[in-house]
Every structure is written in C-alpha cells, then in structure tokens.
C-alpha cells in the first residue's frame, strides 16, 4: 500500500539518490550537533550531552530515513546496484563540509571525489 505519491518516487534510482543525500545530511547534522558540545574524549558526560543535541538527533533521524529507502532499493535492484551509491555519500559530505563548515579541501581529495562521481554515474546508468 503506497502513500499516494507520484510514480517516480518509487523508482529505485530516485530512492537511492534521496537516501544518499539524507545520509550526507545526517553527517552534517551530527557534526553541527557535536560542535555545540566540543571534543568528546570517551564514554563520558559530553557524549551523552551530544546525543541529546537537536543536531545529533536530526542526524540520526536522517540516517533512519536513508536506511528505509536503502532497504527498498536493495529489495528491488539488489546490493550490486545500491551499494556503490554509498560512495556517493562521500561526495555529499564533501560538499556539505566545504559549504557549511568551510573545511579546506586539498586538490588530491578533489580528484578522488571526481573519480567517485564518475563511478557512481556509471553504476546509475547501468540499468
């Protein structure tokens, strides 16, 4: 039973792209949340404080939605189609780290990201 959403929302390629974006957003939310607490050195009070920040909670929620979509994709297209998109998560995280947190990106890392993008596009085209 569906939710009455447009037909393209059931497309495995659409679902895995959304899952990948949600996974990257989850990373950014978690980074933002732990930034409010500071360095976490172990299983201590700071860790528990971080777990309860809105950013970390949003990150976990984003991962949960991403995982649900991933389950749908794996059931339709298989692991060999879905798993390479996990690499695309690195691209999303890379862009968010650069845009939101002004992290420095060395040229060699940029080249690696370009290669990942090419690989994910090739997998996406292999229907």
N, C-alpha and C. Protein backbone atom coordinates (compact mmCIF):
# COMPACT_ATOMS: atom_id res chain seq x y z
N UNK A 1 0.85 -1.18 0.00
CA UNK A 1 0.00 0.00 0.00
C UNK A 1 0.88 1.23 0.00
N UNK A 2 0.69 2.11 -0.96
CA UNK A 2 1.51 3.31 -1.10
C UNK A 2 0.92 4.49 -0.36
N UNK A 3 1.63 5.58 -0.42
CA UNK A 3 1.20 6.81 0.24
C UNK A 3 0.52 7.77 -0.73
N UNK A 4 0.26 7.34 -1.96
CA UNK A 4 -0.34 8.22 -2.94
C UNK A 4 0.66 9.20 -3.52
N UNK A 5 1.95 8.88 -3.47
CA UNK A 5 2.99 9.74 -4.01
C UNK A 5 3.12 9.50 -5.50
N UNK A 6 3.70 10.46 -6.22
CA UNK A 6 3.88 10.26 -7.67
C UNK A 6 4.67 9.00 -7.96
N UNK A 7 4.46 8.42 -9.13
CA UNK A 7 5.10 7.16 -9.51
C UNK A 7 6.61 7.19 -9.47
N UNK A 8 7.23 8.32 -9.80
CA UNK A 8 8.70 8.38 -9.83
C UNK A 8 9.31 8.24 -8.45
N UNK A 9 8.54 8.45 -7.39
CA UNK A 9 9.10 8.29 -6.04
C UNK A 9 9.38 6.83 -5.73
N UNK A 10 8.78 5.94 -6.48
CA UNK A 10 9.04 4.51 -6.31
C UNK A 10 10.18 4.00 -7.16
N UNK A 11 10.76 4.88 -7.97
CA UNK A 11 11.88 4.50 -8.82
C UNK A 11 13.13 4.27 -7.97
N UNK A 12 13.78 3.11 -8.11
CA UNK A 12 14.95 2.81 -7.29
C UNK A 12 16.08 3.84 -7.43
N UNK A 13 16.27 4.40 -8.62
CA UNK A 13 17.32 5.40 -8.79
C UNK A 13 16.99 6.66 -7.99
N UNK A 14 15.74 7.10 -8.05
CA UNK A 14 15.31 8.25 -7.26
C UNK A 14 15.49 7.97 -5.77
N UNK A 15 15.08 6.79 -5.34
CA UNK A 15 15.16 6.43 -3.92
C UNK A 15 16.61 6.40 -3.43
N UNK A 16 17.53 5.84 -4.22
CA UNK A 16 18.91 5.75 -3.76
C UNK A 16 19.57 7.12 -3.76
N UNK A 17 19.21 7.99 -4.69
CA UNK A 17 19.75 9.35 -4.68
C UNK A 17 19.27 10.09 -3.43
N UNK A 18 17.99 9.98 -3.12
CA UNK A 18 17.47 10.63 -1.91
C UNK A 18 18.10 10.02 -0.66
N UNK A 19 18.26 8.71 -0.63
CA UNK A 19 18.91 8.05 0.51
C UNK A 19 20.33 8.55 0.69
N UNK A 20 21.04 8.74 -0.41
CA UNK A 20 22.42 9.22 -0.36
C UNK A 20 22.47 10.65 0.19
N UNK A 21 21.58 11.50 -0.27
CA UNK A 21 21.53 12.88 0.21
C UNK A 21 21.18 12.91 1.70
N UNK A 22 20.21 12.10 2.09
CA UNK A 22 19.84 12.05 3.51
C UNK A 22 20.99 11.55 4.39
N UNK A 23 21.76 10.59 3.88
CA UNK A 23 22.92 10.10 4.62
C UNK A 23 23.95 11.20 4.82
N UNK A 24 24.20 11.98 3.77
CA UNK A 24 25.14 13.10 3.88
C UNK A 24 24.64 14.17 4.81
N UNK A 25 23.35 14.47 4.73
CA UNK A 25 22.77 15.46 5.65
C UNK A 25 22.87 14.98 7.09
N UNK A 26 22.71 13.68 7.29
CA UNK A 26 22.85 13.12 8.64
C UNK A 26 24.24 13.39 9.20
N UNK A 27 25.27 13.23 8.37
CA UNK A 27 26.63 13.52 8.80
C UNK A 27 26.78 14.99 9.19
N UNK A 28 26.23 15.88 8.36
CA UNK A 28 26.33 17.32 8.64
C UNK A 28 25.58 17.69 9.92
N UNK A 29 24.40 17.12 10.10
CA UNK A 29 23.64 17.39 11.34
C UNK A 29 24.43 16.94 12.57
N UNK A 30 25.03 15.75 12.47
CA UNK A 30 25.80 15.23 13.61
C UNK A 30 27.00 16.14 13.89
N UNK A 31 27.70 16.57 12.85
CA UNK A 31 28.83 17.48 13.03
C UNK A 31 28.38 18.76 13.71
N UNK A 32 27.27 19.30 13.27
CA UNK A 32 26.75 20.53 13.86
C UNK A 32 26.38 20.30 15.32
N UNK A 33 25.79 19.17 15.62
CA UNK A 33 25.39 18.87 16.99
C UNK A 33 26.58 18.70 17.93
N UNK A 34 27.58 17.96 17.50
CA UNK A 34 28.74 17.76 18.38
C UNK A 34 29.56 19.03 18.51
N UNK A 35 29.48 19.91 17.52
CA UNK A 35 30.19 21.19 17.62
C UNK A 35 29.68 22.03 18.79
N UNK A 36 28.44 21.84 19.15
CA UNK A 36 27.86 22.56 20.28
C UNK A 36 28.41 22.05 21.62
N UNK A 37 28.87 20.81 21.64
CA UNK A 37 29.31 20.17 22.89
C UNK A 37 30.83 20.26 23.04
N UNK A 38 31.56 20.22 21.94
CA UNK A 38 33.01 20.22 21.99
C UNK A 38 33.57 18.83 21.79
N UNK A 39 34.86 18.68 22.06
CA UNK A 39 35.55 17.41 21.86
C UNK A 39 35.01 16.36 22.82
N UNK A 40 34.72 15.19 22.27
CA UNK A 40 34.24 14.07 23.08
C UNK A 40 35.38 13.08 23.19
N UNK A 41 35.87 12.88 24.40
CA UNK A 41 37.05 12.05 24.59
C UNK A 41 36.77 10.62 24.97
N UNK A 42 35.54 10.24 25.12
CA UNK A 42 35.23 8.87 25.51
C UNK A 42 33.78 8.77 25.94
N UNK A 43 33.47 7.67 26.62
CA UNK A 43 32.11 7.46 27.11
C UNK A 43 31.95 8.25 28.40
N UNK A 44 31.65 9.52 28.24
CA UNK A 44 31.53 10.40 29.40
C UNK A 44 30.30 11.29 29.24
N UNK A 45 30.17 12.24 30.14
CA UNK A 45 29.00 13.11 30.15
C UNK A 45 28.85 13.89 28.85
N UNK A 46 29.96 14.28 28.25
CA UNK A 46 29.89 15.03 26.99
C UNK A 46 29.26 14.21 25.86
N UNK A 47 29.57 12.95 25.85
CA UNK A 47 28.97 12.07 24.83
C UNK A 47 27.46 12.05 24.98
N UNK A 48 27.00 11.91 26.20
CA UNK A 48 25.55 11.87 26.44
C UNK A 48 24.90 13.21 26.15
N UNK A 49 25.61 14.31 26.41
CA UNK A 49 25.10 15.63 26.06
C UNK A 49 24.97 15.76 24.54
N UNK A 50 25.99 15.27 23.84
CA UNK A 50 25.97 15.35 22.37
C UNK A 50 24.81 14.55 21.79
N UNK A 51 24.56 13.38 22.35
CA UNK A 51 23.47 12.53 21.84
C UNK A 51 22.11 13.22 21.93
N UNK A 52 21.98 14.16 22.85
CA UNK A 52 20.69 14.82 23.04
C UNK A 52 20.59 16.18 22.36
N UNK A 53 21.62 16.59 21.61
CA UNK A 53 21.52 17.85 20.89
C UNK A 53 20.57 17.68 19.70
N UNK A 54 19.87 18.75 19.34
CA UNK A 54 18.97 18.66 18.19
C UNK A 54 19.69 18.22 16.91
N UNK A 55 20.93 18.67 16.71
CA UNK A 55 21.66 18.30 15.51
C UNK A 55 21.92 16.80 15.42
N UNK A 56 22.38 16.21 16.51
CA UNK A 56 22.66 14.77 16.52
C UNK A 56 21.35 13.99 16.35
N UNK A 57 20.31 14.41 17.02
CA UNK A 57 19.02 13.73 16.87
C UNK A 57 18.50 13.83 15.43
N UNK A 58 18.67 15.01 14.82
CA UNK A 58 18.26 15.17 13.41
C UNK A 58 19.12 14.29 12.51
N UNK A 59 20.41 14.18 12.83
CA UNK A 59 21.30 13.31 12.06
C UNK A 59 20.86 11.86 12.12
N UNK A 60 20.52 11.39 13.32
CA UNK A 60 20.05 10.01 13.46
C UNK A 60 18.74 9.80 12.71
N UNK A 61 17.86 10.79 12.76
CA UNK A 61 16.59 10.70 12.02
C UNK A 61 16.83 10.64 10.51
N UNK A 62 17.77 11.45 10.06
CA UNK A 62 18.11 11.45 8.64
C UNK A 62 18.67 10.09 8.21
N UNK A 63 19.53 9.52 9.05
CA UNK A 63 20.05 8.17 8.78
C UNK A 63 18.93 7.14 8.74
N UNK A 64 17.98 7.26 9.64
CA UNK A 64 16.88 6.29 9.68
C UNK A 64 16.09 6.33 8.38
N UNK A 65 15.74 7.53 7.91
CA UNK A 65 15.01 7.64 6.64
C UNK A 65 15.86 7.12 5.48
N UNK A 66 17.13 7.45 5.49
CA UNK A 66 18.04 6.97 4.46
C UNK A 66 18.07 5.44 4.44
N UNK A 67 18.11 4.85 5.60
CA UNK A 67 18.16 3.38 5.70
C UNK A 67 16.88 2.74 5.19
N UNK A 68 15.74 3.34 5.45
CA UNK A 68 14.48 2.80 4.95
C UNK A 68 14.45 2.82 3.42
N UNK A 69 14.89 3.92 2.84
CA UNK A 69 14.94 3.99 1.38
C UNK A 69 15.93 2.97 0.82
N UNK A 70 17.06 2.81 1.50
CA UNK A 70 18.08 1.84 1.07
C UNK A 70 17.49 0.43 1.06
N UNK A 71 16.70 0.10 2.08
CA UNK A 71 16.05 -1.22 2.12
C UNK A 71 15.16 -1.43 0.91
N UNK A 72 14.41 -0.39 0.53
CA UNK A 72 13.52 -0.51 -0.63
C UNK A 72 14.32 -0.73 -1.90
N UNK A 73 15.43 0.00 -2.04
CA UNK A 73 16.24 -0.13 -3.25
C UNK A 73 16.88 -1.51 -3.35
N UNK A 74 17.44 -1.98 -2.24
CA UNK A 74 18.08 -3.30 -2.25
C UNK A 74 17.06 -4.39 -2.58
N UNK A 75 15.82 -4.22 -2.12
CA UNK A 75 14.81 -5.24 -2.41
C UNK A 75 14.43 -5.25 -3.89
N UNK A 76 14.56 -4.11 -4.57
CA UNK A 76 14.16 -4.02 -5.98
C UNK A 76 15.32 -4.26 -6.95
N UNK A 77 16.48 -3.67 -6.65
CA UNK A 77 17.58 -3.68 -7.62
C UNK A 77 18.79 -4.48 -7.16
N UNK A 78 18.86 -4.82 -5.90
CA UNK A 78 19.97 -5.62 -5.41
C UNK A 78 21.11 -4.79 -4.85
N UNK A 79 21.98 -5.48 -4.19
CA UNK A 79 23.10 -4.85 -3.50
C UNK A 79 24.13 -4.30 -4.47
N UNK A 80 24.35 -4.97 -5.58
CA UNK A 80 25.37 -4.51 -6.53
C UNK A 80 25.00 -3.18 -7.17
N UNK A 81 23.71 -2.86 -7.21
CA UNK A 81 23.26 -1.56 -7.69
C UNK A 81 23.32 -0.52 -6.57
N UNK A 82 22.81 -0.88 -5.40
CA UNK A 82 22.65 0.09 -4.32
C UNK A 82 23.94 0.48 -3.63
N UNK A 83 24.79 -0.48 -3.37
CA UNK A 83 25.96 -0.20 -2.53
C UNK A 83 26.93 0.81 -3.11
N UNK A 84 27.20 0.83 -4.42
CA UNK A 84 28.10 1.86 -4.93
C UNK A 84 27.63 3.29 -4.64
N UNK A 85 26.35 3.48 -4.44
CA UNK A 85 25.85 4.81 -4.11
C UNK A 85 26.27 5.25 -2.71
N UNK A 86 26.66 4.30 -1.89
CA UNK A 86 27.18 4.65 -0.57
C UNK A 86 28.44 5.51 -0.76
N UNK A 87 29.21 5.23 -1.82
CA UNK A 87 30.38 6.05 -2.13
C UNK A 87 29.97 7.49 -2.46
N UNK A 88 28.82 7.63 -3.09
CA UNK A 88 28.34 8.98 -3.42
C UNK A 88 28.06 9.78 -2.17
N UNK A 89 27.83 9.10 -1.07
CA UNK A 89 27.64 9.80 0.21
C UNK A 89 28.87 10.62 0.54
N UNK A 90 30.05 10.14 0.15
CA UNK A 90 31.28 10.90 0.37
C UNK A 90 31.25 12.24 -0.36
N UNK A 91 30.66 12.26 -1.54
CA UNK A 91 30.55 13.48 -2.32
C UNK A 91 29.64 14.47 -1.61
N UNK A 92 28.51 13.99 -1.13
CA UNK A 92 27.56 14.85 -0.42
C UNK A 92 28.21 15.43 0.83
N UNK A 93 28.88 14.57 1.59
CA UNK A 93 29.54 15.02 2.82
C UNK A 93 30.65 16.01 2.48
N UNK A 94 31.40 15.74 1.45
CA UNK A 94 32.46 16.64 0.99
C UNK A 94 31.90 18.03 0.71
N UNK A 95 30.82 18.10 -0.07
CA UNK A 95 30.22 19.39 -0.41
C UNK A 95 29.67 20.10 0.82
N UNK A 96 29.01 19.37 1.70
CA UNK A 96 28.45 19.99 2.90
C UNK A 96 29.56 20.49 3.83
N UNK A 97 30.64 19.72 3.96
CA UNK A 97 31.76 20.14 4.81
C UNK A 97 32.38 21.43 4.27
N UNK A 98 32.48 21.51 2.96
CA UNK A 98 33.07 22.69 2.32
C UNK A 98 32.15 23.90 2.44
N UNK A 99 30.85 23.69 2.17
CA UNK A 99 29.89 24.80 2.17
C UNK A 99 29.52 25.24 3.58
N UNK A 100 29.15 24.30 4.43
CA UNK A 100 28.63 24.65 5.75
C UNK A 100 29.71 24.91 6.80
N UNK A 101 30.81 24.15 6.73
CA UNK A 101 31.82 24.24 7.78
C UNK A 101 33.13 24.84 7.29
N UNK A 102 33.17 25.31 6.03
CA UNK A 102 34.34 25.93 5.43
C UNK A 102 35.61 25.11 5.61
N UNK A 103 35.48 23.79 5.48
CA UNK A 103 36.65 22.92 5.61
C UNK A 103 37.52 23.04 4.37
N UNK A 104 38.82 23.00 4.57
CA UNK A 104 39.79 23.07 3.47
C UNK A 104 39.78 21.74 2.71
N UNK A 105 39.77 21.82 1.38
CA UNK A 105 39.74 20.62 0.55
C UNK A 105 41.01 20.58 -0.30
N UNK A 106 41.92 19.67 0.01
CA UNK A 106 43.16 19.55 -0.79
C UNK A 106 42.85 19.05 -2.21
N UNK A 107 43.69 19.42 -3.19
CA UNK A 107 43.46 19.03 -4.59
C UNK A 107 43.37 17.51 -4.80
N UNK A 108 44.18 16.75 -4.09
CA UNK A 108 44.14 15.30 -4.27
C UNK A 108 42.79 14.72 -3.82
N UNK A 109 42.22 15.27 -2.76
CA UNK A 109 40.89 14.83 -2.32
C UNK A 109 39.84 15.20 -3.35
N UNK A 110 39.98 16.37 -3.95
CA UNK A 110 39.06 16.80 -5.00
C UNK A 110 39.11 15.85 -6.19
N UNK A 111 40.32 15.40 -6.57
CA UNK A 111 40.47 14.43 -7.66
C UNK A 111 39.79 13.12 -7.30
N UNK A 112 39.94 12.67 -6.07
CA UNK A 112 39.29 11.44 -5.63
C UNK A 112 37.77 11.55 -5.69
N UNK A 113 37.25 12.69 -5.30
CA UNK A 113 35.80 12.91 -5.35
C UNK A 113 35.32 12.87 -6.80
N UNK A 114 36.08 13.43 -7.73
CA UNK A 114 35.70 13.40 -9.15
C UNK A 114 35.64 11.97 -9.66
N UNK A 115 36.58 11.14 -9.25
CA UNK A 115 36.59 9.73 -9.67
C UNK A 115 35.39 9.00 -9.09
N UNK A 116 35.06 9.28 -7.84
CA UNK A 116 33.88 8.68 -7.22
C UNK A 116 32.62 9.05 -8.00
N UNK A 117 32.51 10.33 -8.37
CA UNK A 117 31.34 10.79 -9.13
C UNK A 117 31.21 10.03 -10.44
N UNK A 118 32.32 9.86 -11.15
CA UNK A 118 32.29 9.13 -12.41
C UNK A 118 31.82 7.69 -12.19
N UNK A 119 32.33 7.04 -11.18
CA UNK A 119 31.93 5.66 -10.89
C UNK A 119 30.46 5.54 -10.56
N UNK A 120 29.95 6.46 -9.77
CA UNK A 120 28.53 6.41 -9.38
C UNK A 120 27.64 6.67 -10.59
N UNK A 121 28.04 7.59 -11.46
CA UNK A 121 27.26 7.84 -12.67
C UNK A 121 27.22 6.59 -13.55
N UNK A 122 28.34 5.91 -13.69
CA UNK A 122 28.37 4.68 -14.49
C UNK A 122 27.45 3.61 -13.89
N UNK A 123 27.45 3.46 -12.57
CA UNK A 123 26.57 2.50 -11.93
C UNK A 123 25.11 2.89 -12.15
N UNK A 124 24.81 4.18 -12.00
CA UNK A 124 23.44 4.65 -12.19
C UNK A 124 22.92 4.43 -13.60
N UNK A 125 23.81 4.50 -14.57
CA UNK A 125 23.42 4.30 -15.97
C UNK A 125 23.23 2.83 -16.33
N UNK A 126 23.74 1.94 -15.51
CA UNK A 126 23.67 0.51 -15.81
C UNK A 126 22.35 -0.08 -15.34
N UNK A 127 21.35 0.11 -16.11
CA UNK A 127 20.02 -0.38 -15.77
C UNK A 127 19.89 -1.72 -16.29
